[in-house]
C-alpha cells in the first residue's frame, strides 16, 4: 500500500473539516477518468470525501484519517507516497511520488 506524508494527511484533514462532514467520514482516492480500454493508463486520480468505502475499496487509517482506495488503483499506487508540493502560484497541491 502507499504511504501518506504528515503534510498530505494534514491537508486532507483540513479539507474534510471545511466540508463539515461527519467525524468518521474519510477520503476516497479514485480514478477521475475511466479509459475506454482497461489496458490504457489512468490519466487522473481524484479525491472525494465519503462516509465509507465503496465495495471493493481498500481501507486504511493514517494519523486518524480514514482513507479508501478504489479497487482499480490499489496496484497502481503500490509503493507510492502521497505528498504535498508548492506550485508556482503558491498553492499547495497533492502529488504522488
N, C-alpha and C. Protein backbone atom coordinates (compact mmCIF):
# COMPACT_ATOMS: atom_id res chain seq x y z
N UNK A 1 0.85 -1.18 0.00
CA UNK A 1 0.00 0.00 0.00
C UNK A 1 0.88 1.23 0.00
N UNK A 2 0.33 2.33 -0.39
CA UNK A 2 1.09 3.57 -0.42
C UNK A 2 1.10 4.24 0.95
N UNK A 3 1.94 5.23 1.10
CA UNK A 3 2.01 5.97 2.35
C UNK A 3 1.57 7.40 2.12
N UNK A 4 1.22 8.06 3.20
CA UNK A 4 0.77 9.45 3.16
C UNK A 4 1.67 10.24 4.10
N UNK A 5 2.28 11.31 3.61
CA UNK A 5 3.13 12.12 4.48
C UNK A 5 2.25 12.86 5.48
N UNK A 6 2.86 13.30 6.57
CA UNK A 6 2.13 14.06 7.59
C UNK A 6 1.51 15.32 6.99
N UNK A 7 2.25 15.99 6.10
CA UNK A 7 1.75 17.22 5.48
C UNK A 7 0.53 16.93 4.61
N UNK A 8 0.56 15.83 3.84
CA UNK A 8 -0.58 15.48 3.00
C UNK A 8 -1.78 15.11 3.86
N UNK A 9 -1.55 14.37 4.94
CA UNK A 9 -2.64 14.00 5.85
C UNK A 9 -3.27 15.25 6.46
N UNK A 10 -2.45 16.23 6.83
CA UNK A 10 -2.97 17.48 7.40
C UNK A 10 -3.82 18.24 6.39
N UNK A 11 -3.37 18.27 5.13
CA UNK A 11 -4.12 18.96 4.08
C UNK A 11 -5.47 18.28 3.85
N UNK A 12 -5.48 16.95 3.83
CA UNK A 12 -6.74 16.21 3.64
C UNK A 12 -7.67 16.37 4.82
N UNK A 13 -7.13 16.38 6.03
CA UNK A 13 -7.95 16.60 7.22
C UNK A 13 -8.59 17.98 7.19
N UNK A 14 -7.83 18.98 6.75
CA UNK A 14 -8.36 20.35 6.65
C UNK A 14 -9.50 20.41 5.64
N UNK A 15 -9.35 19.73 4.52
CA UNK A 15 -10.41 19.69 3.50
C UNK A 15 -11.66 19.03 4.06
N UNK A 16 -11.46 17.97 4.79
CA UNK A 16 -12.59 17.25 5.39
C UNK A 16 -13.30 18.14 6.41
N UNK A 17 -12.53 18.84 7.22
CA UNK A 17 -13.11 19.73 8.23
C UNK A 17 -13.89 20.87 7.58
N UNK A 18 -13.34 21.44 6.50
CA UNK A 18 -14.00 22.53 5.80
C UNK A 18 -15.33 22.08 5.18
N UNK A 19 -15.41 20.81 4.81
CA UNK A 19 -16.63 20.28 4.20
C UNK A 19 -17.71 19.98 5.24
N UNK A 20 -17.36 20.07 6.51
CA UNK A 20 -18.31 19.83 7.60
C UNK A 20 -19.05 18.50 7.45
N UNK A 21 -18.29 17.44 7.26
CA UNK A 21 -18.85 16.10 7.12
C UNK A 21 -18.76 15.38 8.47
N UNK A 22 -19.45 14.25 8.60
CA UNK A 22 -19.36 13.50 9.86
C UNK A 22 -17.91 13.18 10.23
N UNK A 23 -17.66 13.11 11.49
CA UNK A 23 -16.31 12.90 12.01
C UNK A 23 -15.65 11.62 11.46
N UNK A 24 -16.45 10.57 11.28
CA UNK A 24 -15.87 9.31 10.81
C UNK A 24 -15.80 9.19 9.29
N UNK A 25 -16.14 10.25 8.57
CA UNK A 25 -16.01 10.25 7.11
C UNK A 25 -14.53 10.15 6.74
N UNK A 26 -14.25 9.76 5.52
CA UNK A 26 -12.87 9.61 5.08
C UNK A 26 -12.66 10.19 3.70
N UNK A 27 -11.47 9.99 3.21
CA UNK A 27 -11.09 10.46 1.88
C UNK A 27 -11.02 9.26 0.96
N UNK A 28 -11.71 9.35 -0.17
CA UNK A 28 -11.68 8.27 -1.16
C UNK A 28 -10.79 8.69 -2.31
N UNK A 29 -9.85 7.83 -2.64
CA UNK A 29 -8.95 8.07 -3.77
C UNK A 29 -9.49 7.23 -4.91
N UNK A 30 -9.78 7.89 -6.03
CA UNK A 30 -10.47 7.21 -7.14
C UNK A 30 -9.93 7.70 -8.47
N UNK A 31 -10.19 6.94 -9.50
CA UNK A 31 -9.83 7.41 -10.84
C UNK A 31 -10.87 8.45 -11.24
N UNK A 32 -10.40 9.55 -11.79
CA UNK A 32 -11.35 10.59 -12.18
C UNK A 32 -11.63 10.56 -13.67
N UNK A 33 -11.00 9.65 -14.37
CA UNK A 33 -11.33 9.42 -15.77
C UNK A 33 -11.23 7.93 -16.03
N UNK A 34 -12.23 7.39 -16.66
CA UNK A 34 -12.25 5.96 -16.95
C UNK A 34 -11.88 5.76 -18.41
N UNK A 35 -10.72 5.18 -18.68
CA UNK A 35 -10.38 4.92 -20.08
C UNK A 35 -11.32 3.89 -20.68
N UNK A 36 -11.59 4.03 -21.95
CA UNK A 36 -12.47 3.08 -22.64
C UNK A 36 -11.83 1.69 -22.67
N UNK A 37 -10.52 1.66 -22.79
CA UNK A 37 -9.78 0.40 -22.83
C UNK A 37 -9.10 0.19 -21.49
N UNK A 38 -9.44 -0.86 -20.74
CA UNK A 38 -8.85 -1.09 -19.41
C UNK A 38 -7.32 -1.21 -19.41
N UNK A 39 -6.72 -1.48 -20.58
CA UNK A 39 -5.26 -1.58 -20.64
C UNK A 39 -4.60 -0.20 -20.72
N UNK A 40 -5.39 0.84 -20.99
CA UNK A 40 -4.85 2.20 -21.04
C UNK A 40 -4.58 2.68 -19.62
N UNK A 41 -3.54 3.49 -19.45
CA UNK A 41 -3.25 4.00 -18.10
C UNK A 41 -4.31 5.00 -17.65
N UNK A 42 -4.49 5.06 -16.35
CA UNK A 42 -5.41 6.05 -15.78
C UNK A 42 -4.73 7.40 -15.89
N UNK A 43 -5.42 8.40 -16.38
CA UNK A 43 -4.78 9.68 -16.59
C UNK A 43 -4.88 10.61 -15.39
N UNK A 44 -5.88 10.43 -14.56
CA UNK A 44 -6.06 11.32 -13.41
C UNK A 44 -6.55 10.55 -12.21
N UNK A 45 -6.11 11.01 -11.05
CA UNK A 45 -6.57 10.45 -9.80
C UNK A 45 -7.26 11.57 -9.04
N UNK A 46 -8.44 11.29 -8.54
CA UNK A 46 -9.21 12.30 -7.82
C UNK A 46 -9.40 11.92 -6.37
N UNK A 47 -9.81 12.91 -5.60
CA UNK A 47 -10.07 12.73 -4.17
C UNK A 47 -11.49 13.17 -3.90
N UNK A 48 -12.18 12.40 -3.08
CA UNK A 48 -13.54 12.75 -2.70
C UNK A 48 -13.71 12.42 -1.23
N UNK A 49 -14.57 13.15 -0.58
CA UNK A 49 -14.88 12.87 0.81
C UNK A 49 -16.08 11.93 0.83
N UNK A 50 -15.95 10.83 1.55
CA UNK A 50 -17.03 9.86 1.60
C UNK A 50 -17.24 9.33 3.01
N UNK A 51 -18.44 8.88 3.27
CA UNK A 51 -18.76 8.36 4.60
C UNK A 51 -18.21 6.96 4.82
N UNK A 52 -17.90 6.25 3.74
CA UNK A 52 -17.36 4.91 3.87
C UNK A 52 -16.84 4.43 2.53
N UNK A 53 -16.15 3.31 2.54
CA UNK A 53 -15.61 2.77 1.30
C UNK A 53 -16.70 2.20 0.41
N UNK A 54 -16.44 2.23 -0.89
CA UNK A 54 -17.31 1.54 -1.83
C UNK A 54 -16.91 0.06 -1.84
N UNK A 55 -17.77 -0.76 -2.38
CA UNK A 55 -17.49 -2.19 -2.47
C UNK A 55 -16.18 -2.41 -3.23
N UNK A 56 -15.29 -3.19 -2.67
CA UNK A 56 -14.01 -3.48 -3.32
C UNK A 56 -12.89 -2.53 -2.94
N UNK A 57 -13.22 -1.41 -2.32
CA UNK A 57 -12.18 -0.46 -1.91
C UNK A 57 -11.32 -1.05 -0.81
N UNK A 58 -10.07 -0.63 -0.78
CA UNK A 58 -9.19 -0.98 0.32
C UNK A 58 -9.23 0.20 1.29
N UNK A 59 -9.34 -0.10 2.57
CA UNK A 59 -9.44 0.96 3.58
C UNK A 59 -8.27 0.86 4.55
N UNK A 60 -7.70 2.01 4.88
CA UNK A 60 -6.71 2.05 5.95
C UNK A 60 -6.81 3.40 6.64
N UNK A 61 -6.12 3.52 7.75
CA UNK A 61 -6.17 4.75 8.54
C UNK A 61 -4.74 5.23 8.79
N UNK A 62 -4.56 6.52 8.68
CA UNK A 62 -3.26 7.11 8.98
C UNK A 62 -3.48 8.41 9.74
N UNK A 63 -2.86 8.50 10.89
CA UNK A 63 -2.96 9.71 11.72
C UNK A 63 -4.41 10.12 11.97
N UNK A 64 -5.30 9.12 12.17
CA UNK A 64 -6.69 9.41 12.45
C UNK A 64 -7.53 9.73 11.22
N UNK A 65 -6.95 9.62 10.03
CA UNK A 65 -7.66 9.91 8.79
C UNK A 65 -7.98 8.59 8.09
N UNK A 66 -9.27 8.35 7.85
CA UNK A 66 -9.69 7.16 7.10
C UNK A 66 -9.46 7.43 5.62
N UNK A 67 -8.86 6.45 4.94
CA UNK A 67 -8.58 6.58 3.51
C UNK A 67 -9.11 5.34 2.82
N UNK A 68 -9.87 5.56 1.75
CA UNK A 68 -10.45 4.49 0.95
C UNK A 68 -9.82 4.56 -0.44
N UNK A 69 -9.29 3.45 -0.92
CA UNK A 69 -8.65 3.43 -2.23
C UNK A 69 -9.48 2.57 -3.17
N UNK A 70 -9.89 3.17 -4.29
CA UNK A 70 -10.66 2.46 -5.29
C UNK A 70 -9.91 1.20 -5.72
N UNK A 71 -10.64 0.11 -5.87
CA UNK A 71 -10.01 -1.17 -6.16
C UNK A 71 -9.09 -1.15 -7.37
N UNK A 72 -9.46 -0.42 -8.42
CA UNK A 72 -8.62 -0.43 -9.62
C UNK A 72 -7.33 0.39 -9.45
N UNK A 73 -7.19 1.11 -8.34
CA UNK A 73 -5.97 1.89 -8.09
C UNK A 73 -5.01 1.23 -7.11
N UNK A 74 -5.45 0.19 -6.45
CA UNK A 74 -4.63 -0.43 -5.40
C UNK A 74 -3.25 -0.82 -5.93
N UNK A 75 -3.20 -1.51 -7.04
CA UNK A 75 -1.91 -1.93 -7.60
C UNK A 75 -1.13 -0.73 -8.15
N UNK A 76 -1.81 0.21 -8.78
CA UNK A 76 -1.16 1.39 -9.35
C UNK A 76 -0.44 2.21 -8.29
N UNK A 77 -1.03 2.31 -7.10
CA UNK A 77 -0.46 3.15 -6.05
C UNK A 77 0.50 2.41 -5.13
N UNK A 78 0.68 1.13 -5.37
CA UNK A 78 1.59 0.34 -4.54
C UNK A 78 2.97 0.99 -4.50
N UNK A 79 3.52 1.11 -3.30
CA UNK A 79 4.86 1.68 -3.07
C UNK A 79 4.99 3.15 -3.45
N UNK A 80 3.89 3.87 -3.54
CA UNK A 80 3.93 5.31 -3.83
C UNK A 80 3.70 6.08 -2.54
N UNK A 81 4.03 7.37 -2.57
CA UNK A 81 3.84 8.23 -1.42
C UNK A 81 3.00 9.44 -1.84
N UNK A 82 1.93 9.71 -1.09
CA UNK A 82 1.12 10.90 -1.32
C UNK A 82 1.76 12.02 -0.51
N UNK A 83 2.14 13.08 -1.19
CA UNK A 83 2.86 14.19 -0.57
C UNK A 83 2.25 15.51 -1.02
N UNK A 84 2.81 16.59 -0.55
CA UNK A 84 2.36 17.93 -0.91
C UNK A 84 3.54 18.67 -1.52
N UNK A 85 3.27 19.43 -2.58
CA UNK A 85 4.31 20.29 -3.14
C UNK A 85 3.74 21.68 -3.36
N UNK A 86 4.63 22.65 -3.36
CA UNK A 86 4.26 24.04 -3.57
C UNK A 86 4.26 24.30 -5.08
N UNK A 87 3.14 24.75 -5.61
CA UNK A 87 3.05 25.07 -7.03
C UNK A 87 3.61 26.47 -7.28
N UNK A 88 3.85 26.79 -8.53
CA UNK A 88 4.39 28.10 -8.89
C UNK A 88 3.50 29.25 -8.45
N UNK A 89 2.20 29.01 -8.39
CA UNK A 89 1.26 30.06 -7.98
C UNK A 89 1.14 30.19 -6.46
N UNK A 90 1.95 29.42 -5.72
CA UNK A 90 1.95 29.50 -4.27
C UNK A 90 0.97 28.54 -3.60
N UNK A 91 0.13 27.90 -4.37
CA UNK A 91 -0.83 26.95 -3.82
C UNK A 91 -0.13 25.62 -3.54
N UNK A 92 -0.63 24.92 -2.51
CA UNK A 92 -0.13 23.59 -2.23
C UNK A 92 -1.01 22.59 -2.94
N UNK A 93 -0.40 21.54 -3.48
CA UNK A 93 -1.17 20.51 -4.16
C UNK A 93 -0.66 19.14 -3.79
N UNK A 94 -1.56 18.18 -3.86
CA UNK A 94 -1.22 16.78 -3.55
C UNK A 94 -0.56 16.14 -4.76
N UNK A 95 0.49 15.39 -4.54
CA UNK A 95 1.18 14.68 -5.61
C UNK A 95 1.57 13.28 -5.13
N UNK A 96 1.61 12.35 -6.05
CA UNK A 96 2.12 11.01 -5.76
C UNK A 96 3.56 10.95 -6.23
N UNK A 97 4.40 10.43 -5.37
CA UNK A 97 5.83 10.28 -5.72
C UNK A 97 6.16 8.80 -5.77
